[in-house]
All heavy atoms as atom14 arrays in JSON, in Angstrom:
{
  "sequence": "DELLTWDEIHFCLARAAGVEPAIVHRSSAD",
  "atom14_mask": [
    [1, 1, 1, 1, 1, 1, 1, 1, 0, 0, 0, 0, 0, 0],
    [1, 1, 1, 1, 1, 1, 1, 1, 1, 0, 0, 0, 0, 0],
    [1, 1, 1, 1, 1, 1, 1, 1, 0, 0, 0, 0, 0, 0],
    [1, 1, 1, 1, 1, 1, 1, 1, 0, 0, 0, 0, 0, 0],
    [1, 1, 1, 1, 1, 1, 1, 0, 0, 0, 0, 0, 0, 0],
    [1, 1, 1, 1, 1, 1, 1, 1, 1, 1, 1, 1, 1, 1],
    [1, 1, 1, 1, 1, 1, 1, 1, 0, 0, 0, 0, 0, 0],
    [1, 1, 1, 1, 1, 1, 1, 1, 1, 0, 0, 0, 0, 0],
    [1, 1, 1, 1, 1, 1, 1, 1, 0, 0, 0, 0, 0, 0],
    [1, 1, 1, 1, 1, 1, 1, 1, 1, 1, 0, 0, 0, 0],
    [1, 1, 1, 1, 1, 1, 1, 1, 1, 1, 1, 0, 0, 0],
    [1, 1, 1, 1, 1, 1, 0, 0, 0, 0, 0, 0, 0, 0],
    [1, 1, 1, 1, 1, 1, 1, 1, 0, 0, 0, 0, 0, 0],
    [1, 1, 1, 1, 1, 0, 0, 0, 0, 0, 0, 0, 0, 0],
    [1, 1, 1, 1, 1, 1, 1, 1, 1, 1, 1, 0, 0, 0],
    [1, 1, 1, 1, 1, 0, 0, 0, 0, 0, 0, 0, 0, 0],
    [1, 1, 1, 1, 1, 0, 0, 0, 0, 0, 0, 0, 0, 0],
    [1, 1, 1, 1, 0, 0, 0, 0, 0, 0, 0, 0, 0, 0],
    [1, 1, 1, 1, 1, 1, 1, 0, 0, 0, 0, 0, 0, 0],
    [1, 1, 1, 1, 1, 1, 1, 1, 1, 0, 0, 0, 0, 0],
    [1, 1, 1, 1, 1, 1, 1, 0, 0, 0, 0, 0, 0, 0],
    [1, 1, 1, 1, 1, 0, 0, 0, 0, 0, 0, 0, 0, 0],
    [1, 1, 1, 1, 1, 1, 1, 1, 0, 0, 0, 0, 0, 0],
    [1, 1, 1, 1, 1, 1, 1, 0, 0, 0, 0, 0, 0, 0],
    [1, 1, 1, 1, 1, 1, 1, 1, 1, 1, 0, 0, 0, 0],
    [1, 1, 1, 1, 1, 1, 1, 1, 1, 1, 1, 0, 0, 0],
    [1, 1, 1, 1, 1, 1, 0, 0, 0, 0, 0, 0, 0, 0],
    [1, 1, 1, 1, 1, 1, 0, 0, 0, 0, 0, 0, 0, 0],
    [1, 1, 1, 1, 1, 0, 0, 0, 0, 0, 0, 0, 0, 0],
    [1, 1, 1, 1, 1, 1, 1, 1, 0, 0, 0, 0, 0, 0]
  ],
  "atom14_positions": [
    [[20.06, -11.19, -16.83], [21.13, -10.29, -16.38], [20.69, -9.44, -15.19], [21.49, -8.69, -14.63], [21.54, -9.35, -17.52], [22.28, -10.08, -18.63], [23.12, -10.94, -18.32], [22.02, -9.78, -19.81], [0.0, 0.0, 0.0], [0.0, 0.0, 0.0], [0.0, 0.0, 0.0], [0.0, 0.0, 0.0], [0.0, 0.0, 0.0], [0.0, 0.0, 0.0]],
    [[19.42, -9.56, -14.8], [18.9, -8.76, -13.69], [19.41, -9.31, -12.36], [19.28, -10.49, -12.07], [17.37, -8.79, -13.71], [16.73, -7.96, -12.6], [15.22, -7.99, -12.63], [14.66, -9.08, -12.93], [14.6, -6.96, -12.35], [0.0, 0.0, 0.0], [0.0, 0.0, 0.0], [0.0, 0.0, 0.0], [0.0, 0.0, 0.0], [0.0, 0.0, 0.0]],
    [[19.97, -8.44, -11.53], [20.45, -8.82, -10.21], [19.44, -8.35, -9.17], [19.04, -7.19, -9.17], [21.82, -8.21, -9.93], [22.96, -8.7, -10.81], [24.26, -8.0, -10.43], [23.13, -10.21, -10.69], [0.0, 0.0, 0.0], [0.0, 0.0, 0.0], [0.0, 0.0, 0.0], [0.0, 0.0, 0.0], [0.0, 0.0, 0.0], [0.0, 0.0, 0.0]],
    [[19.05, -9.25, -8.28], [18.06, -8.95, -7.26], [18.57, -9.42, -5.9], [19.13, -10.51, -5.79], [16.74, -9.67, -7.56], [16.0, -9.29, -8.83], [15.01, -10.39, -9.21], [15.27, -7.97, -8.65], [0.0, 0.0, 0.0], [0.0, 0.0, 0.0], [0.0, 0.0, 0.0], [0.0, 0.0, 0.0], [0.0, 0.0, 0.0], [0.0, 0.0, 0.0]],
    [[18.35, -8.62, -4.87], [18.56, -9.12, -3.52], [17.29, -9.88, -3.11], [16.23, -9.72, -3.71], [18.8, -7.99, -2.51], [17.6, -7.22, -2.37], [19.95, -7.08, -2.97], [0.0, 0.0, 0.0], [0.0, 0.0, 0.0], [0.0, 0.0, 0.0], [0.0, 0.0, 0.0], [0.0, 0.0, 0.0], [0.0, 0.0, 0.0], [0.0, 0.0, 0.0]],
    [[17.42, -10.69, -2.06], [16.24, -11.42, -1.6], [15.19, -10.48, -1.02], [13.99, -10.74, -1.14], [16.64, -12.5, -0.6], [17.12, -13.73, -1.32], [18.4, -14.15, -1.49], [16.3, -14.68, -2.0], [18.43, -15.3, -2.24], [17.16, -15.65, -2.56], [14.92, -14.82, -2.21], [16.7, -16.74, -3.3], [14.45, -15.91, -2.93], [15.34, -16.84, -3.47]],
    [[15.62, -9.38, -0.43], [14.64, -8.37, -0.02], [13.91, -7.8, -1.22], [12.68, -7.65, -1.2], [15.32, -7.25, 0.76], [15.46, -7.56, 2.25], [15.02, -8.65, 2.68], [16.04, -6.72, 2.97], [0.0, 0.0, 0.0], [0.0, 0.0, 0.0], [0.0, 0.0, 0.0], [0.0, 0.0, 0.0], [0.0, 0.0, 0.0], [0.0, 0.0, 0.0]],
    [[14.64, -7.5, -2.3], [14.0, -6.94, -3.49], [13.01, -7.92, -4.11], [11.96, -7.51, -4.61], [15.08, -6.54, -4.51], [15.84, -5.29, -4.14], [17.05, -5.03, -5.01], [17.56, -5.98, -5.65], [17.5, -3.88, -5.06], [0.0, 0.0, 0.0], [0.0, 0.0, 0.0], [0.0, 0.0, 0.0], [0.0, 0.0, 0.0], [0.0, 0.0, 0.0]],
    [[13.33, -9.2, -4.09], [12.4, -10.2, -4.6], [11.09, -10.14, -3.81], [9.99, -10.15, -4.38], [13.03, -11.61, -4.52], [14.15, -11.74, -5.55], [11.97, -12.7, -4.75], [15.01, -12.98, -5.39], [0.0, 0.0, 0.0], [0.0, 0.0, 0.0], [0.0, 0.0, 0.0], [0.0, 0.0, 0.0], [0.0, 0.0, 0.0], [0.0, 0.0, 0.0]],
    [[11.21, -10.05, -2.5], [10.01, -9.96, -1.66], [9.28, -8.63, -1.88], [8.04, -8.59, -1.89], [10.39, -10.15, -0.19], [10.64, -11.57, 0.19], [11.82, -12.23, -0.12], [9.86, -12.49, 0.82], [11.75, -13.47, 0.32], [10.58, -13.66, 0.9], [0.0, 0.0, 0.0], [0.0, 0.0, 0.0], [0.0, 0.0, 0.0], [0.0, 0.0, 0.0]],
    [[10.02, -7.54, -2.07], [9.38, -6.25, -2.32], [8.54, -6.3, -3.6], [7.43, -5.76, -3.66], [10.41, -5.13, -2.43], [11.18, -4.86, -1.17], [12.42, -4.24, -1.22], [10.68, -5.23, 0.07], [13.14, -3.98, -0.06], [11.4, -4.99, 1.24], [12.63, -4.35, 1.17], [0.0, 0.0, 0.0], [0.0, 0.0, 0.0], [0.0, 0.0, 0.0]],
    [[9.08, -6.91, -4.65], [8.35, -7.04, -5.91], [7.04, -7.81, -5.7], [5.98, -7.4, -6.22], [9.2, -7.74, -6.96], [10.54, -6.76, -7.67], [0.0, 0.0, 0.0], [0.0, 0.0, 0.0], [0.0, 0.0, 0.0], [0.0, 0.0, 0.0], [0.0, 0.0, 0.0], [0.0, 0.0, 0.0], [0.0, 0.0, 0.0], [0.0, 0.0, 0.0]],
    [[7.11, -8.9, -4.96], [5.91, -9.7, -4.7], [4.9, -8.91, -3.88], [3.69, -8.98, -4.13], [6.29, -10.99, -3.99], [7.04, -12.03, -4.83], [7.59, -13.14, -3.94], [6.14, -12.62, -5.91], [0.0, 0.0, 0.0], [0.0, 0.0, 0.0], [0.0, 0.0, 0.0], [0.0, 0.0, 0.0], [0.0, 0.0, 0.0], [0.0, 0.0, 0.0]],
    [[5.4, -8.17, -2.89], [4.49, -7.38, -2.05], [3.78, -6.3, -2.86], [2.57, -6.09, -2.71], [5.27, -6.75, -0.89], [0.0, 0.0, 0.0], [0.0, 0.0, 0.0], [0.0, 0.0, 0.0], [0.0, 0.0, 0.0], [0.0, 0.0, 0.0], [0.0, 0.0, 0.0], [0.0, 0.0, 0.0], [0.0, 0.0, 0.0], [0.0, 0.0, 0.0]],
    [[4.51, -5.61, -3.73], [3.87, -4.59, -4.57], [2.81, -5.21, -5.46], [1.72, -4.65, -5.64], [4.93, -3.85, -5.4], [5.75, -2.85, -4.61], [6.57, -1.95, -5.52], [7.65, -2.67, -6.19], [8.87, -2.83, -5.69], [9.16, -2.35, -4.49], [9.81, -3.47, -6.37], [0.0, 0.0, 0.0], [0.0, 0.0, 0.0], [0.0, 0.0, 0.0]],
    [[3.13, -6.37, -6.02], [2.16, -7.04, -6.89], [0.93, -7.47, -6.11], [-0.18, -7.52, -6.64], [2.81, -8.25, -7.56], [0.0, 0.0, 0.0], [0.0, 0.0, 0.0], [0.0, 0.0, 0.0], [0.0, 0.0, 0.0], [0.0, 0.0, 0.0], [0.0, 0.0, 0.0], [0.0, 0.0, 0.0], [0.0, 0.0, 0.0], [0.0, 0.0, 0.0]],
    [[1.12, -7.79, -4.82], [0.01, -8.23, -3.98], [-0.75, -7.07, -3.35], [-1.78, -7.27, -2.7], [0.53, -9.16, -2.88], [0.0, 0.0, 0.0], [0.0, 0.0, 0.0], [0.0, 0.0, 0.0], [0.0, 0.0, 0.0], [0.0, 0.0, 0.0], [0.0, 0.0, 0.0], [0.0, 0.0, 0.0], [0.0, 0.0, 0.0], [0.0, 0.0, 0.0]],
    [[-0.22, -5.85, -3.51], [-0.88, -4.68, -2.95], [-0.75, -4.57, -1.45], [-1.67, -4.08, -0.78], [0.0, 0.0, 0.0], [0.0, 0.0, 0.0], [0.0, 0.0, 0.0], [0.0, 0.0, 0.0], [0.0, 0.0, 0.0], [0.0, 0.0, 0.0], [0.0, 0.0, 0.0], [0.0, 0.0, 0.0], [0.0, 0.0, 0.0], [0.0, 0.0, 0.0]],
    [[0.38, -5.03, -0.89], [0.57, -5.01, 0.55], [1.92, -4.38, 0.89], [2.79, -4.24, 0.03], [0.51, -6.43, 1.15], [-0.85, -7.05, 0.92], [1.61, -7.31, 0.56], [0.0, 0.0, 0.0], [0.0, 0.0, 0.0], [0.0, 0.0, 0.0], [0.0, 0.0, 0.0], [0.0, 0.0, 0.0], [0.0, 0.0, 0.0], [0.0, 0.0, 0.0]],
    [[2.08, -4.01, 2.16], [3.36, -3.56, 2.66], [4.23, -4.78, 2.97], [3.74, -5.73, 3.62], [3.2, -2.71, 3.92], [2.62, -1.33, 3.66], [3.54, -0.48, 2.79], [4.78, -0.52, 3.01], [3.02, 0.18, 1.87], [0.0, 0.0, 0.0], [0.0, 0.0, 0.0], [0.0, 0.0, 0.0], [0.0, 0.0, 0.0], [0.0, 0.0, 0.0]],
    [[5.48, -4.8, 2.54], [6.32, -6.0, 2.72], [6.95, -6.08, 4.1], [8.13, -5.77, 4.28], [7.37, -5.82, 1.63], [7.53, -4.33, 1.51], [6.16, -3.76, 1.76], [0.0, 0.0, 0.0], [0.0, 0.0, 0.0], [0.0, 0.0, 0.0], [0.0, 0.0, 0.0], [0.0, 0.0, 0.0], [0.0, 0.0, 0.0], [0.0, 0.0, 0.0]],
    [[6.19, -6.5, 5.08], [6.75, -6.71, 6.42], [7.72, -7.89, 6.37], [7.36, -8.97, 5.92], [5.63, -6.98, 7.41], [0.0, 0.0, 0.0], [0.0, 0.0, 0.0], [0.0, 0.0, 0.0], [0.0, 0.0, 0.0], [0.0, 0.0, 0.0], [0.0, 0.0, 0.0], [0.0, 0.0, 0.0], [0.0, 0.0, 0.0], [0.0, 0.0, 0.0]],
    [[8.94, -7.66, 6.84], [9.99, -8.69, 6.75], [10.73, -8.79, 8.08], [11.04, -7.78, 8.72], [10.99, -8.35, 5.62], [10.35, -8.56, 4.24], [12.28, -9.17, 5.75], [11.22, -8.12, 3.09], [0.0, 0.0, 0.0], [0.0, 0.0, 0.0], [0.0, 0.0, 0.0], [0.0, 0.0, 0.0], [0.0, 0.0, 0.0], [0.0, 0.0, 0.0]],
    [[11.0, -10.02, 8.49], [11.88, -10.3, 9.62], [13.05, -11.13, 9.08], [12.83, -12.13, 8.39], [11.15, -11.06, 10.74], [12.15, -11.57, 11.78], [10.1, -10.18, 11.39], [0.0, 0.0, 0.0], [0.0, 0.0, 0.0], [0.0, 0.0, 0.0], [0.0, 0.0, 0.0], [0.0, 0.0, 0.0], [0.0, 0.0, 0.0], [0.0, 0.0, 0.0]],
    [[14.26, -10.7, 9.38], [15.44, -11.43, 8.93], [15.9, -12.42, 10.0], [15.99, -12.07, 11.18], [16.58, -10.46, 8.6], [16.29, -9.59, 7.42], [16.08, -8.23, 7.52], [16.14, -9.89, 6.11], [15.83, -7.73, 6.32], [15.86, -8.72, 5.45], [0.0, 0.0, 0.0], [0.0, 0.0, 0.0], [0.0, 0.0, 0.0], [0.0, 0.0, 0.0]],
    [[16.19, -13.63, 9.56], [16.74, -14.65, 10.44], [17.84, -15.38, 9.67], [17.78, -15.51, 8.45], [15.67, -15.65, 10.89], [14.65, -15.07, 11.85], [15.27, -14.82, 13.23], [14.32, -14.31, 14.19], [14.14, -13.01, 14.47], [14.84, -12.1, 13.83], [13.27, -12.63, 15.38], [0.0, 0.0, 0.0], [0.0, 0.0, 0.0], [0.0, 0.0, 0.0]],
    [[18.82, -15.89, 10.38], [19.9, -16.62, 9.71], [19.37, -17.91, 9.09], [18.35, -18.46, 9.53], [21.01, -16.95, 10.71], [20.6, -17.97, 11.61], [0.0, 0.0, 0.0], [0.0, 0.0, 0.0], [0.0, 0.0, 0.0], [0.0, 0.0, 0.0], [0.0, 0.0, 0.0], [0.0, 0.0, 0.0], [0.0, 0.0, 0.0], [0.0, 0.0, 0.0]],
    [[20.07, -18.38, 8.07], [19.69, -19.65, 7.45], [19.72, -20.78, 8.46], [18.89, -21.69, 8.42], [20.62, -19.95, 6.27], [20.51, -18.97, 5.27], [0.0, 0.0, 0.0], [0.0, 0.0, 0.0], [0.0, 0.0, 0.0], [0.0, 0.0, 0.0], [0.0, 0.0, 0.0], [0.0, 0.0, 0.0], [0.0, 0.0, 0.0], [0.0, 0.0, 0.0]],
    [[20.68, -20.71, 9.39], [20.77, -21.76, 10.42], [19.56, -21.72, 11.34], [19.0, -22.76, 11.71], [22.06, -21.58, 11.23], [0.0, 0.0, 0.0], [0.0, 0.0, 0.0], [0.0, 0.0, 0.0], [0.0, 0.0, 0.0], [0.0, 0.0, 0.0], [0.0, 0.0, 0.0], [0.0, 0.0, 0.0], [0.0, 0.0, 0.0], [0.0, 0.0, 0.0]],
    [[19.13, -20.51, 11.74], [17.95, -20.38, 12.6], [16.71, -20.92, 11.9], [15.9, -21.65, 12.5], [17.72, -18.92, 12.97], [18.67, -18.42, 14.03], [19.35, -19.25, 14.67], [18.77, -17.18, 14.22], [0.0, 0.0, 0.0], [0.0, 0.0, 0.0], [0.0, 0.0, 0.0], [0.0, 0.0, 0.0], [0.0, 0.0, 0.0], [0.0, 0.0, 0.0]]
  ]
}
């Protein structure tokens, strides 16, 4: 029942890895 955005999924992984979650957004087509 947990709803996650794709940014939140990456944030969770970054916290677990002990890093800052640097993210660049690009379209699926790009």
